[in-house]
Amino acid sequence: MACPIPDRVTHLVSPHRAITANATIATVLLFSLSLIAGQAPIVAASDPSLTNDQCTTLASQTSTSDLRDLLDDLAIAPQESRIAADLTSLIWIGNTGAYFSATVRRDQVEQVMCQSAPFDDVAADAGEPNVLCEKITLDMDLEDIQQALGSPGEELIGDDGLPLSLVRQWIDRETQQVALVGFSNFGEITGLSCFNP
């Protein structure tokens, strides 16, 4: 059964821009679409220790040139994909699970999403760790996650009323915590967001 997209996100995003769950879904889907198109996001050979403070600094950037300078300083080389004539996405995934993505329009940064590794760092900083995300590791596929979490997960419904087949969510009924996971067509993890009530 499909269910609505949750409202609260615990990963770091640009503080000066409002972000909706749909933006989170868009990023998760962008990971998936990159894999399908054969343009998998770059996974770093050595992870440059992306910290929560660095994510906060990255998320505060408004100019594309400032953002690129900061990424260079951090030794992060994201993959660029043109989404539209004036819209570009930047995606980088570290080998420890840290990730960075940004959407830029001309010379302005529209949105930044960033998380240090492991995935539950931000959830732990915000309070109690997410019990679902603690059971998920990057080497798992859809079947492994379904087994670890004890259910098949629920498909989400997009704004157009159609199911987002490459995105599933799990809800812990006791804590009301949510794990939102994006998958490739091959069932591999392409993105993970943890939501705490």
Protein backbone atom coordinates (compact mmCIF):
# COMPACT_ATOMS: atom_id res chain seq x y z
CA MET A 1 0.00 0.00 0.00
CA ALA A 2 1.33 3.43 -0.91
CA CYS A 3 1.47 6.20 1.67
CA PRO A 4 2.14 9.96 1.68
CA ILE A 5 5.64 11.38 1.87
CA PRO A 6 6.74 12.29 5.44
CA ASP A 7 7.25 15.96 6.32
CA ARG A 8 10.29 15.98 8.60
CA VAL A 9 13.84 15.46 7.41
CA THR A 10 16.84 15.12 9.71
CA HIS A 11 19.68 15.38 7.19
CA LEU A 12 21.32 18.75 6.59
CA VAL A 13 19.98 21.02 3.89
CA SER A 14 20.47 24.67 3.03
CA PRO A 15 19.22 26.67 6.01
CA HIS A 16 18.32 29.69 3.85
CA ARG A 17 15.98 27.73 1.58
CA ALA A 18 12.83 25.85 2.40
CA ILE A 19 13.01 22.18 1.47
CA THR A 20 10.14 19.79 1.11
CA ALA A 21 9.97 16.04 1.19
CA ASN A 22 9.55 16.24 -2.58
CA ALA A 23 13.03 17.78 -2.86
CA THR A 24 14.36 14.83 -0.87
CA ILE A 25 12.54 12.44 -3.17
CA ALA A 26 13.95 14.29 -6.18
CA THR A 27 17.50 13.81 -4.90
CA VAL A 28 16.94 10.13 -4.15
CA LEU A 29 15.44 9.69 -7.61
CA LEU A 30 18.33 11.60 -9.17
CA PHE A 31 20.72 9.03 -7.68
CA SER A 32 18.53 6.26 -9.15
CA LEU A 33 18.22 7.89 -12.56
CA SER A 34 21.98 8.46 -12.71
CA LEU A 35 22.53 4.76 -12.14
CA ILE A 36 19.93 3.76 -14.74
CA ALA A 37 21.47 6.13 -17.31
CA GLY A 38 24.88 4.61 -16.69
CA GLN A 39 26.12 7.80 -15.01
CA ALA A 40 26.54 6.54 -11.47
CA PRO A 41 27.54 9.25 -9.01
CA ILE A 42 31.24 9.28 -8.27
CA VAL A 43 32.11 7.25 -5.20
CA ALA A 44 35.31 8.54 -3.69
CA ALA A 45 38.35 6.27 -3.63
CA SER A 46 39.26 7.83 -0.30
CA ASP A 47 36.63 9.65 1.71
CA PRO A 48 37.75 13.18 2.67
CA SER A 49 36.11 12.95 6.13
CA LEU A 50 33.05 15.08 5.49
CA THR A 51 31.91 16.37 8.89
CA ASN A 52 28.62 17.87 10.05
CA ASP A 53 30.32 21.29 10.33
CA GLN A 54 31.55 21.04 6.74
CA CYS A 55 28.04 20.06 5.62
CA THR A 56 26.64 23.12 7.38
CA THR A 57 29.21 25.33 5.62
CA LEU A 58 28.43 23.74 2.24
CA ALA A 59 24.69 24.21 2.82
CA SER A 60 25.18 27.93 3.52
CA GLN A 61 26.67 28.70 0.08
CA THR A 62 24.54 30.73 -2.35
CA SER A 63 26.93 31.32 -5.24
CA THR A 64 28.06 28.47 -7.49
CA SER A 65 31.66 29.75 -7.60
CA ASP A 66 31.88 29.91 -3.78
CA LEU A 67 30.41 26.41 -3.54
CA ARG A 68 32.90 25.04 -6.09
CA ASP A 69 35.83 26.70 -4.26
CA LEU A 70 34.75 25.11 -0.99
CA LEU A 71 34.34 21.70 -2.64
CA ASP A 72 37.87 22.04 -4.08
CA ASP A 73 39.21 22.89 -0.60
CA LEU A 74 37.53 19.73 0.75
CA ALA A 75 38.90 17.57 -2.13
CA ILE A 76 35.36 16.71 -3.20
CA ALA A 77 34.86 16.38 -6.95
CA PRO A 78 31.14 15.86 -7.60
CA GLN A 79 29.74 14.48 -10.82
CA GLU A 80 27.82 17.08 -12.82
CA SER A 81 24.62 16.26 -14.70
CA ARG A 82 22.60 18.74 -16.73
CA ILE A 83 18.94 18.45 -15.72
CA ALA A 84 17.65 21.27 -17.94
CA ALA A 85 19.16 24.07 -20.05
CA ASP A 86 19.96 26.21 -17.00
CA LEU A 87 19.78 23.59 -14.23
CA THR A 88 22.66 21.34 -13.16
CA SER A 89 22.99 18.77 -10.39
CA LEU A 90 26.21 18.03 -8.53
CA ILE A 91 26.43 14.65 -6.76
CA TRP A 92 29.22 13.08 -4.72
CA ILE A 93 29.01 9.93 -2.59
CA GLY A 94 31.85 9.03 -0.25
CA ASN A 95 32.88 5.43 0.31
CA THR A 96 31.81 5.64 3.96
CA GLY A 97 28.28 6.80 3.18
CA ALA A 98 28.84 10.56 3.34
CA TYR A 99 27.14 12.35 0.48
CA PHE A 100 26.76 15.77 -1.04
CA SER A 101 24.34 16.94 -3.71
CA ALA A 102 23.43 20.37 -4.99
CA THR A 103 21.16 21.82 -7.62
CA VAL A 104 22.45 24.98 -9.29
CA ARG A 105 20.66 27.31 -11.69
CA ARG A 106 23.01 29.57 -13.65
CA ASP A 107 25.34 30.94 -10.93
CA GLN A 108 22.95 30.47 -7.99
CA VAL A 109 22.79 27.48 -5.68
CA GLU A 110 19.16 26.34 -5.46
CA GLN A 111 19.49 23.48 -2.98
CA VAL A 112 22.21 21.67 -1.08
CA MET A 113 21.89 18.33 0.66
CA CYS A 114 24.81 16.99 2.63
CA GLN A 115 25.40 14.31 5.22
CA SER A 116 28.48 13.06 6.98
CA ALA A 117 28.95 9.33 7.50
CA PRO A 118 27.53 7.16 8.88
CA PHE A 119 23.94 7.86 7.88
CA ASP A 120 22.69 8.06 11.46
CA ASP A 121 25.16 10.80 12.57
CA VAL A 122 22.66 13.60 12.00
CA ALA A 123 19.78 11.67 13.54
CA ALA A 124 21.95 11.01 16.61
CA ASP A 125 22.86 14.71 16.82
CA ALA A 126 19.17 15.63 16.69
CA GLY A 127 18.26 13.31 19.58
CA GLU A 128 17.89 9.57 19.69
CA PRO A 129 19.33 7.51 16.82
CA ASN A 130 16.95 6.28 14.15
CA VAL A 131 16.34 2.60 14.98
CA LEU A 132 15.58 1.73 11.36
CA CYS A 133 18.62 3.45 9.83
CA GLU A 134 20.89 1.74 12.36
CA LYS A 135 19.96 -1.59 10.75
CA ILE A 136 20.78 -0.45 7.19
CA THR A 137 24.27 -0.57 5.68
CA LEU A 138 25.44 0.58 2.25
CA ASP A 139 26.23 -2.94 1.05
CA MET A 140 22.60 -4.06 1.46
CA ASP A 141 20.16 -4.47 -1.39
CA LEU A 142 16.35 -4.24 -1.28
CA GLU A 143 15.95 -7.86 -0.21
CA ASP A 144 18.52 -7.49 2.61
CA ILE A 145 16.81 -4.36 3.93
CA GLN A 146 13.38 -5.98 3.80
CA GLN A 147 14.74 -8.89 5.82
CA ALA A 148 16.57 -6.65 8.33
CA LEU A 149 13.54 -4.42 8.88
CA GLY A 150 10.99 -7.24 8.83
CA SER A 151 8.69 -5.85 6.14
CA PRO A 152 8.63 -5.13 2.40
CA GLY A 153 8.38 -1.37 2.98
CA GLU A 154 5.79 0.93 1.47
CA GLU A 155 5.88 2.65 -1.91
CA LEU A 156 5.51 6.43 -1.79
CA ILE A 157 3.08 8.44 -3.88
CA GLY A 158 4.45 11.39 -5.89
CA ASP A 159 2.73 14.72 -6.52
CA ASP A 160 1.19 13.28 -9.68
CA GLY A 161 -0.54 10.53 -7.67
CA LEU A 162 1.66 7.79 -9.14
CA PRO A 163 3.80 5.47 -7.01
CA LEU A 164 7.53 6.16 -6.81
CA SER A 165 8.59 2.57 -7.47
CA LEU A 166 12.31 3.14 -6.79
CA VAL A 167 11.67 4.67 -3.36
CA ARG A 168 10.38 2.82 -0.31
CA GLN A 169 9.78 3.85 3.26
CA TRP A 170 9.69 1.94 6.51
CA ILE A 171 8.04 3.25 9.70
CA ASP A 172 8.82 2.01 13.20
CA ARG A 173 5.35 1.93 14.81
CA GLU A 174 6.74 2.36 18.35
CA THR A 175 9.02 5.35 17.76
CA GLN A 176 7.32 6.72 14.60
CA GLN A 177 10.80 7.00 13.06
CA VAL A 178 11.01 6.65 9.28
CA ALA A 179 13.68 5.36 6.90
CA LEU A 180 13.29 6.50 3.29
CA VAL A 181 15.45 4.47 0.87
CA GLY A 182 16.05 4.96 -2.85
CA PHE A 183 17.02 1.99 -5.01
CA SER A 184 18.40 1.42 -8.49
CA ASN A 185 16.55 -0.87 -10.90
CA PHE A 186 18.87 -3.59 -9.61
CA GLY A 187 17.73 -3.16 -5.98
CA GLU A 188 20.93 -1.43 -4.81
CA ILE A 189 20.79 1.53 -2.39
CA THR A 190 21.14 4.89 -4.11
CA GLY A 191 20.08 7.14 -1.22
CA LEU A 192 18.91 7.03 2.39
CA SER A 193 17.16 9.62 4.55
CA CYS A 194 16.24 9.20 8.21
CA PHE A 195 13.23 10.95 9.73
CA ASN A 196 12.58 11.34 13.46
CA PRO A 197 9.23 12.52 14.88
